[in-house]
C-alpha atoms as a PDB file:
ATOM      1  CA  MET A   1      13.254 -17.824  20.447  1.00  0.00           C
ATOM      2  CA  GLU A   2      12.045 -21.140  21.779  1.00  0.00           C
ATOM      3  CA  ASP A   3       9.084 -22.787  20.100  1.00  0.00           C
ATOM      4  CA  ASN A   4       7.177 -23.139  23.349  1.00  0.00           C
ATOM      5  CA  ASP A   5       7.631 -19.690  24.870  1.00  0.00           C
ATOM      6  CA  PHE A   6       4.520 -17.690  25.771  1.00  0.00           C
ATOM      7  CA  VAL A   7       4.872 -15.106  22.983  1.00  0.00           C
ATOM      8  CA  SER A   8       5.292 -17.699  20.224  1.00  0.00           C
ATOM      9  CA  ILE A   9       2.302 -19.655  21.476  1.00  0.00           C
ATOM     10  CA  TRP A  10       0.161 -16.507  21.734  1.00  0.00           C
ATOM     11  CA  LEU A  11       1.145 -15.327  18.230  1.00  0.00           C
ATOM     12  CA  GLU A  12       0.432 -18.745  16.773  1.00  0.00           C
ATOM     13  CA  GLU A  13      -3.012 -18.815  18.383  1.00  0.00           C
ATOM     14  CA  ASN A  14      -3.975 -15.164  17.828  1.00  0.00           C
ATOM     15  CA  GLY A  15      -1.889 -13.898  14.938  1.00  0.00           C
ATOM     16  CA  ASN A  16       0.026 -10.651  15.019  1.00  0.00           C
ATOM     17  CA  PRO A  17      -2.389  -7.708  15.254  1.00  0.00           C
ATOM     18  CA  ALA A  18       0.265  -5.201  14.154  1.00  0.00           C
ATOM     19  CA  ILE A  19       0.978  -7.127  10.950  1.00  0.00           C
ATOM     20  CA  GLU A  20      -2.723  -7.619  10.283  1.00  0.00           C
ATOM     21  CA  GLU A  21      -3.360  -3.895  10.810  1.00  0.00           C
ATOM     22  CA  LEU A  22      -0.488  -2.946   8.500  1.00  0.00           C
ATOM     23  CA  THR A  23      -1.711  -5.370   5.854  1.00  0.00           C
ATOM     24  CA  GLN A  24      -5.230  -3.924   6.017  1.00  0.00           C
ATOM     25  CA  LEU A  25      -3.881  -0.365   5.870  1.00  0.00           C
ATOM     26  CA  ASN A  26      -1.873  -1.211   2.737  1.00  0.00           C
ATOM     27  CA  LEU A  27      -4.931  -2.783   1.103  1.00  0.00           C
ATOM     28  CA  ASP A  28      -7.013   0.290   1.987  1.00  0.00           C
ATOM     29  CA  ILE A  29      -4.391   2.628   0.505  1.00  0.00           C
ATOM     30  CA  ALA A  30      -4.134   0.514  -2.649  1.00  0.00           C
ATOM     31  CA  SER A  31      -7.911   0.476  -3.036  1.00  0.00           C
ATOM     32  CA  LYS A  32      -8.237   4.236  -2.512  1.00  0.00           C
ATOM     33  CA  THR A  33      -5.377   4.913  -4.925  1.00  0.00           C
ATOM     34  CA  ALA A  34      -6.911   2.728  -7.640  1.00  0.00           C
ATOM     35  CA  GLU A  35     -10.293   4.368  -7.088  1.00  0.00           C
ATOM     36  CA  THR A  36      -8.821   7.870  -7.323  1.00  0.00           C
ATOM     37  CA  LEU A  37      -6.889   7.002 -10.479  1.00  0.00           C
ATOM     38  CA  ALA A  38     -10.069   5.674 -12.086  1.00  0.00           C
ATOM     39  CA  ASP A  39     -12.065   8.748 -11.006  1.00  0.00           C
ATOM     40  CA  ARG A  40      -9.440  11.060 -12.514  1.00  0.00           C
ATOM     41  CA  GLY A  41      -8.921   9.011 -15.656  1.00  0.00           C
ATOM     42  CA  VAL A  42      -5.246   8.483 -14.841  1.00  0.00           C
ATOM     43  CA  SER A  43      -3.490   5.222 -15.705  1.00  0.00           C
ATOM     44  CA  GLU A  44      -1.106   3.320 -13.463  1.00  0.00           C
ATOM     45  CA  ASN A  45       1.659   4.114 -15.945  1.00  0.00           C
ATOM     46  CA  GLU A  46       0.955   7.844 -15.756  1.00  0.00           C
ATOM     47  CA  LEU A  47       1.181   7.675 -11.959  1.00  0.00           C
ATOM     48  CA  ALA A  48       4.414   5.699 -12.223  1.00  0.00           C
ATOM     49  CA  VAL A  49       5.967   8.319 -14.486  1.00  0.00           C
ATOM     50  CA  SER A  50       4.796  11.224 -12.330  1.00  0.00           C
ATOM     51  CA  VAL A  51       6.302   9.777  -9.126  1.00  0.00           C
ATOM     52  CA  ASP A  52       9.320   8.258 -10.914  1.00  0.00           C
ATOM     53  CA  ILE A  53       8.588   4.677  -9.874  1.00  0.00           C
ATOM     54  CA  ASN A  54       8.718   1.567 -12.044  1.00  0.00           C
ATOM     55  CA  PRO A  55       5.214   0.793 -13.403  1.00  0.00           C
ATOM     56  CA  ASP A  56       5.551  -2.834 -12.259  1.00  0.00           C
ATOM     57  CA  GLU A  57       6.066  -1.583  -8.709  1.00  0.00           C
ATOM     58  CA  ILE A  58       2.868   0.467  -8.934  1.00  0.00           C
ATOM     59  CA  LYS A  59       1.004  -2.624 -10.165  1.00  0.00           C
ATOM     60  CA  ARG A  60       2.314  -4.693  -7.224  1.00  0.00           C
ATOM     61  CA  TRP A  61       1.175  -2.017  -4.749  1.00  0.00           C
ATOM     62  CA  LEU A  62      -2.264  -1.711  -6.267  1.00  0.00           C
ATOM     63  CA  MET A  63      -2.692  -5.482  -6.284  1.00  0.00           C
ATOM     64  CA  GLY A  64      -1.731  -5.649  -2.600  1.00  0.00           C
ATOM     65  CA  ARG A  65       1.394  -7.718  -3.255  1.00  0.00           C
ATOM     66  CA  HIS A  66       3.836  -5.104  -1.988  1.00  0.00           C
ATOM     67  CA  SER A  67       3.759  -2.846   1.052  1.00  0.00           C
ATOM     68  CA  PHE A  68       3.842   0.921   0.805  1.00  0.00           C
ATOM     69  CA  SER A  69       6.590   2.832   2.577  1.00  0.00           C
ATOM     70  CA  ILE A  70       5.785   6.128   4.275  1.00  0.00           C
ATOM     71  CA  LYS A  71       7.845   7.904   1.602  1.00  0.00           C
ATOM     72  CA  THR A  72       5.838   6.265  -1.175  1.00  0.00           C
ATOM     73  CA  ILE A  73       2.528   7.056   0.504  1.00  0.00           C
ATOM     74  CA  LYS A  74       3.546  10.715   0.698  1.00  0.00           C
ATOM     75  CA  GLU A  75       4.659  10.801  -2.946  1.00  0.00           C
ATOM     76  CA  ILE A  76       1.527   9.105  -4.218  1.00  0.00           C
ATOM     77  CA  SER A  77      -0.823  11.165  -2.050  1.00  0.00           C
ATOM     78  CA  GLY A  78       0.881  14.349  -3.231  1.00  0.00           C
ATOM     79  CA  GLN A  79       0.467  13.330  -6.838  1.00  0.00           C
ATOM     80  CA  LEU A  80      -3.159  12.280  -6.304  1.00  0.00           C
ATOM     81  CA  ALA A  81      -3.819  15.700  -4.760  1.00  0.00           C
ATOM     82  CA  ALA A  82      -2.255  17.303  -7.847  1.00  0.00           C
ATOM     83  CA  TYR A  83      -4.582  15.246 -10.070  1.00  0.00           C
ATOM     84  CA  SER A  84      -7.531  16.418  -7.955  1.00  0.00           C
ATOM     85  CA  ALA A  85      -6.539  20.039  -8.415  1.00  0.00           C
ATOM     86  CA  LYS A  86      -6.601  19.735 -12.222  1.00  0.00           C
END
């Protein structure tokens, strides 16, 4: 892509709304997950074990340094629902 094409110029001036929306969604999910864990008295390590994910990966998600995949969102939301049912 050329440096002076319309799309590159527009993105440079306005940012990429899709990326910004995805970033905000990931931060919202991380915040809600951390809040739910705290409300239920569940540690990050317990969540990691229950969804079979490396605890360091969970920490990166909750700190907003790593994006969630749809698969991971489903696994975590399922486990959070299980914690809510207890």
